[in-house]
Amino acid sequence: MPGDPGRSLTREAQPQDSNKPDDTLGHSHQTSVWISHKDVGGIDFWRDGGPLAGQIVHQTCREGLEYQDGPSAASLLSLNHWNDPRGQTLMVERRRTTVAPDESGSWWMTIDLQFEAPPGGQVILGKTPFGPIGARMAKTIGVTDGGGRILNSAGQRNEAEAFRKPARWVDYSGPITNEQTAGITLMDHPANPNHPAPFHVRDNGWMGVCLTFDAPVTITPDKPVRLRYGLWIHRAVPDAQKLDQQRQAFASRELGP
């Protein structure tokens, strides 16, 4: 996720999990911003591998694909199949990713998701704190490894206060050079189920929204799940008042069809 002056605000390669030194995959799934879930019909889409690991497969057919570009925003609609290790589709996902410039060098990424059950079946998103969206910040922005800070909409700071607490937004900001700071605000839209959702945050640099922290969600052919998440990529370390203003702007935008 590029910030100003062209430095990435998210991490590209993850370290080994210090609690599991024999795990060769470690935190390899925590790359930049990602969409996944720990339990989709009993299959793990959170990790990159393992006997119960699923795979999100982008569909390259023209059906379900759409691209729009203009002076105020650009968006891409894609179609993805969430497949189990045998290749069976457990869930169909339609994802629209929209990017738009904002004031003072900042910009927005808005991710609209629609999770659908396969024809003639249903799928259960199991109870878990992991999914459907996460972001891993650059090392210098992390609270532990860098000089960053976590702040949520309730005024709680860092992992000790904000871990798995309900919030409308969480901001993770810190230094990207010796002279400059920047960050990302992850926002949960008020139309999402379970809003305001708990956020899983860590001082080591990652944050995510927990859709099914308290209970599972059942998706049927006639009842898809629609979600919207916003990421405001900004300069400096904004205060809570500024972040509330940005959240209000995000919440007021019309939901697409």
Protein backbone atom coordinates (compact mmCIF):
# COMPACT_ATOMS: atom_id res chain seq x y z
CA MET A 1 0.00 0.00 0.00
CA PRO A 2 1.94 3.05 -1.21
CA GLY A 3 2.05 6.16 0.88
CA ASP A 4 3.82 9.48 0.49
CA PRO A 5 6.70 9.77 -0.51
CA GLY A 6 6.26 6.48 -2.35
CA ARG A 7 7.13 4.28 0.63
CA SER A 8 5.02 1.21 1.30
CA LEU A 9 2.96 1.44 4.47
CA THR A 10 2.41 -2.32 4.57
CA ARG A 11 4.77 -5.26 4.85
CA GLU A 12 5.59 -7.54 1.91
CA ALA A 13 7.36 -10.44 3.64
CA GLN A 14 6.52 -11.73 7.09
CA PRO A 15 8.77 -13.17 9.79
CA GLN A 16 8.52 -16.65 11.25
CA ASP A 17 6.04 -17.09 14.07
CA SER A 18 8.21 -16.86 17.19
CA ASN A 19 5.71 -19.02 19.07
CA LYS A 20 5.96 -21.79 16.44
CA PRO A 21 9.60 -21.96 15.29
CA ASP A 22 9.04 -25.23 13.39
CA ASP A 23 6.22 -23.76 11.29
CA THR A 24 7.81 -23.00 7.91
CA LEU A 25 4.82 -20.90 6.80
CA GLY A 26 4.80 -18.68 9.87
CA HIS A 27 2.91 -15.47 9.16
CA SER A 28 3.34 -15.71 5.38
CA HIS A 29 -0.36 -14.99 4.89
CA GLN A 30 -0.05 -11.58 6.54
CA THR A 31 1.00 -9.69 3.42
CA SER A 32 -0.12 -6.09 2.86
CA VAL A 33 -3.96 -6.10 2.87
CA TRP A 34 -5.74 -9.43 2.43
CA ILE A 35 -9.20 -10.99 2.31
CA SER A 36 -9.60 -14.42 3.94
CA HIS A 37 -11.33 -16.33 6.75
CA LYS A 38 -10.19 -18.98 9.19
CA ASP A 39 -13.27 -21.23 8.96
CA VAL A 40 -15.38 -21.54 5.81
CA GLY A 41 -17.33 -24.76 6.11
CA GLY A 42 -14.52 -26.16 8.27
CA ILE A 43 -11.79 -25.23 5.77
CA ASP A 44 -9.00 -22.79 6.68
CA PHE A 45 -8.52 -19.95 4.19
CA TRP A 46 -6.43 -17.91 6.65
CA ARG A 47 -3.15 -19.79 6.27
CA ASP A 48 -1.18 -20.31 3.06
CA GLY A 49 -0.94 -24.09 3.45
CA GLY A 50 -1.69 -27.19 5.48
CA PRO A 51 -4.02 -30.20 5.17
CA LEU A 52 -7.16 -28.10 5.76
CA ALA A 53 -6.08 -25.04 3.79
CA GLY A 54 -8.43 -23.78 1.10
CA GLN A 55 -7.61 -21.64 -1.91
CA ILE A 56 -9.30 -18.49 -3.22
CA VAL A 57 -9.27 -18.87 -7.00
CA HIS A 58 -9.77 -15.81 -9.20
CA GLN A 59 -12.10 -16.54 -12.11
CA THR A 60 -10.77 -15.25 -15.42
CA CYS A 61 -13.97 -15.60 -17.44
CA ARG A 62 -15.57 -12.35 -18.60
CA GLU A 63 -18.70 -13.01 -16.55
CA GLY A 64 -18.36 -11.25 -13.25
CA LEU A 65 -15.52 -8.97 -14.34
CA GLU A 66 -15.94 -5.22 -14.66
CA TYR A 67 -13.50 -2.30 -14.76
CA GLN A 68 -14.33 1.39 -14.46
CA ASP A 69 -11.94 4.32 -14.54
CA GLY A 70 -12.44 8.06 -14.28
CA PRO A 71 -11.00 11.26 -12.83
CA SER A 72 -12.51 10.71 -9.38
CA ALA A 73 -12.08 6.94 -8.88
CA ALA A 74 -11.20 3.60 -10.43
CA SER A 75 -12.79 0.25 -9.56
CA LEU A 76 -12.45 -3.41 -10.42
CA LEU A 77 -15.15 -6.04 -9.91
CA SER A 78 -13.82 -9.59 -9.71
CA LEU A 79 -15.28 -13.06 -9.18
CA ASN A 80 -13.55 -15.54 -6.86
CA HIS A 81 -14.26 -19.14 -5.88
CA TRP A 82 -13.32 -20.30 -2.38
CA ASN A 83 -12.31 -23.92 -2.98
CA ASP A 84 -11.52 -26.71 -0.54
CA PRO A 85 -8.35 -28.85 -0.95
CA ARG A 86 -10.21 -31.11 -3.43
CA GLY A 87 -11.21 -28.17 -5.62
CA GLN A 88 -14.85 -28.09 -4.57
CA THR A 89 -16.31 -24.58 -4.40
CA LEU A 90 -17.59 -23.84 -0.90
CA MET A 91 -18.35 -20.14 -1.43
CA VAL A 92 -18.58 -17.65 -4.28
CA GLU A 93 -17.22 -14.14 -3.71
CA ARG A 94 -17.83 -10.99 -5.71
CA ARG A 95 -15.33 -8.27 -4.83
CA ARG A 96 -15.30 -4.65 -5.94
CA THR A 97 -12.15 -2.73 -5.08
CA THR A 98 -12.32 1.04 -5.56
CA VAL A 99 -9.45 3.51 -5.21
CA ALA A 100 -9.92 7.27 -5.07
CA PRO A 101 -7.68 10.28 -4.29
CA ASP A 102 -8.36 12.40 -1.23
CA GLU A 103 -7.01 15.58 0.30
CA SER A 104 -3.33 16.35 1.02
CA GLY A 105 -1.89 13.30 -0.72
CA SER A 106 -4.10 10.78 1.06
CA TRP A 107 -6.28 8.24 -0.76
CA TRP A 108 -9.03 5.68 -0.22
CA MET A 109 -9.40 2.01 -0.92
CA THR A 110 -12.95 0.74 -0.51
CA ILE A 111 -13.57 -3.01 -0.63
CA ASP A 112 -17.10 -4.28 -1.24
CA LEU A 113 -17.61 -8.02 -0.73
CA GLN A 114 -20.56 -10.27 -1.45
CA PHE A 115 -20.29 -13.84 -0.15
CA GLU A 116 -22.68 -16.31 -1.79
CA ALA A 117 -23.45 -19.97 -1.18
CA PRO A 118 -22.93 -22.34 -4.10
CA PRO A 119 -26.07 -23.39 -5.99
CA GLY A 120 -28.22 -25.75 -3.96
CA GLY A 121 -26.21 -25.50 -0.78
CA GLN A 122 -25.24 -23.35 2.15
CA VAL A 123 -21.96 -22.38 3.79
CA ILE A 124 -21.16 -21.45 7.38
CA LEU A 125 -18.51 -18.93 8.33
CA GLY A 126 -17.39 -20.36 11.65
CA LYS A 127 -16.85 -18.50 14.90
CA THR A 128 -13.30 -17.09 14.81
CA PRO A 129 -11.46 -13.79 15.29
CA PHE A 130 -9.65 -14.24 11.96
CA GLY A 131 -11.35 -12.74 8.93
CA PRO A 132 -12.49 -11.41 6.60
CA ILE A 133 -9.98 -8.54 6.24
CA GLY A 134 -6.54 -7.82 7.64
CA ALA A 135 -3.63 -5.43 7.12
CA ARG A 136 0.01 -5.88 8.11
CA MET A 137 1.80 -2.58 8.58
CA ALA A 138 5.39 -1.79 7.67
CA LYS A 139 7.89 -2.69 10.38
CA THR A 140 8.68 0.94 11.22
CA ILE A 141 4.99 1.63 11.89
CA GLY A 142 4.52 -1.29 14.28
CA VAL A 143 4.28 -0.45 17.97
CA THR A 144 6.87 -3.06 19.00
CA ASP A 145 9.36 -2.88 16.12
CA GLY A 146 8.97 0.78 15.21
CA GLY A 147 7.54 3.88 16.82
CA GLY A 148 3.89 3.56 15.88
CA ARG A 149 0.61 3.65 17.74
CA ILE A 150 -2.81 2.03 17.46
CA LEU A 151 -5.93 4.12 18.15
CA ASN A 152 -9.57 3.07 17.84
CA SER A 153 -12.86 4.96 17.75
CA ALA A 154 -13.41 4.35 21.47
CA GLY A 155 -10.13 6.11 22.32
CA GLN A 156 -8.35 2.87 23.24
CA ARG A 157 -4.65 2.64 22.39
CA ASN A 158 -2.38 -0.19 21.34
CA GLU A 159 -2.90 -3.89 21.85
CA ALA A 160 -3.24 -3.73 25.64
CA GLU A 161 -6.41 -1.62 25.38
CA ALA A 162 -7.82 -2.22 21.87
CA PHE A 163 -7.31 -5.98 21.35
CA ARG A 164 -10.58 -7.54 20.10
CA LYS A 165 -12.62 -4.53 21.24
CA PRO A 166 -15.62 -3.30 19.20
CA ALA A 167 -14.86 -0.20 17.16
CA ARG A 168 -16.02 1.79 14.15
CA TRP A 169 -12.45 2.28 13.01
CA VAL A 170 -8.88 1.52 13.99
CA ASP A 171 -5.94 3.67 12.91
CA TYR A 172 -2.37 2.35 12.78
CA SER A 173 0.17 5.13 12.25
CA GLY A 174 3.89 5.68 12.75
CA PRO A 175 7.20 6.66 11.14
CA ILE A 176 8.05 5.72 7.55
CA THR A 177 11.28 7.75 7.45
CA ASN A 178 13.30 9.63 10.05
CA GLU A 179 11.29 12.76 9.23
CA GLN A 180 7.87 11.54 8.14
CA THR A 181 4.92 9.64 9.58
CA ALA A 182 1.93 8.04 7.90
CA GLY A 183 -0.65 5.34 8.44
CA ILE A 184 -3.81 3.48 7.49
CA THR A 185 -7.28 3.67 9.04
CA LEU A 186 -9.36 0.50 8.68
CA MET A 187 -13.11 1.20 8.86
CA ASP A 188 -16.10 -1.06 9.44
CA HIS A 189 -19.18 0.16 7.54
CA PRO A 190 -22.35 0.67 9.66
CA ALA A 191 -24.36 -1.55 7.26
CA ASN A 192 -22.11 -4.55 7.97
CA PRO A 193 -23.42 -7.36 10.18
CA ASN A 194 -22.18 -7.16 13.77
CA HIS A 195 -21.24 -3.47 13.47
CA PRO A 196 -19.33 -2.15 15.33
CA ALA A 197 -17.24 -5.29 15.01
CA PRO A 198 -14.33 -6.30 17.24
CA PHE A 199 -10.90 -5.55 15.78
CA HIS A 200 -7.99 -7.96 16.24
CA VAL A 201 -4.96 -5.71 16.68
CA ARG A 202 -1.37 -6.50 17.54
CA ASP A 203 1.57 -4.33 18.55
CA ASN A 204 3.67 -6.32 16.06
CA GLY A 205 1.98 -4.51 13.18
CA TRP A 206 -1.30 -6.04 12.14
CA MET A 207 -4.99 -5.23 12.44
CA GLY A 208 -8.14 -6.87 11.18
CA VAL A 209 -11.93 -6.83 11.50
CA CYS A 210 -13.60 -9.84 13.17
CA LEU A 211 -16.90 -10.57 11.41
CA THR A 212 -17.63 -13.82 13.27
CA PHE A 213 -15.96 -13.21 16.60
CA ASP A 214 -19.12 -13.85 18.66
CA ALA A 215 -21.07 -16.27 16.48
CA PRO A 216 -20.99 -18.03 13.11
CA VAL A 217 -22.75 -16.66 10.04
CA THR A 218 -24.81 -18.89 7.74
CA ILE A 219 -24.99 -18.06 4.03
CA THR A 220 -27.74 -19.58 1.89
CA PRO A 221 -28.50 -19.19 -1.85
CA ASP A 222 -31.24 -16.67 -1.07
CA LYS A 223 -29.31 -14.85 1.65
CA PRO A 224 -25.82 -13.68 0.65
CA VAL A 225 -23.66 -11.62 3.01
CA ARG A 226 -22.67 -8.14 1.88
CA LEU A 227 -19.78 -6.26 3.49
CA ARG A 228 -17.99 -2.97 2.98
CA TYR A 229 -14.61 -2.01 4.45
CA GLY A 230 -12.69 1.21 3.96
CA LEU A 231 -8.99 1.95 4.19
CA TRP A 232 -7.90 5.57 4.40
CA ILE A 233 -4.21 5.86 3.55
CA HIS A 234 -2.88 9.12 4.94
CA ARG A 235 0.08 11.26 5.91
CA ALA A 236 1.05 12.06 9.50
CA VAL A 237 -0.62 10.75 12.67
CA PRO A 238 -4.20 12.10 12.73
CA ASP A 239 -6.14 12.73 15.91
CA ALA A 240 -9.47 11.13 16.79
CA GLN A 241 -11.50 14.13 15.59
CA LYS A 242 -10.00 13.93 12.10
CA LEU A 243 -10.52 10.17 11.98
CA ASP A 244 -14.16 10.53 13.03
CA GLN A 245 -14.66 13.03 10.18
CA GLN A 246 -13.19 10.59 7.68
CA ARG A 247 -15.33 7.78 9.06
CA GLN A 248 -18.47 9.91 8.64
CA ALA A 249 -17.52 10.56 5.03
CA PHE A 250 -16.99 6.84 4.45
CA ALA A 251 -20.29 5.86 6.11
CA SER A 252 -22.26 8.40 4.06
CA ARG A 253 -21.23 7.03 0.67
CA GLU A 254 -23.99 5.19 -1.12
CA LEU A 255 -23.75 1.42 -1.24
CA GLY A 256 -23.67 0.04 -4.78
CA PRO A 257 -26.06 -2.54 -6.25
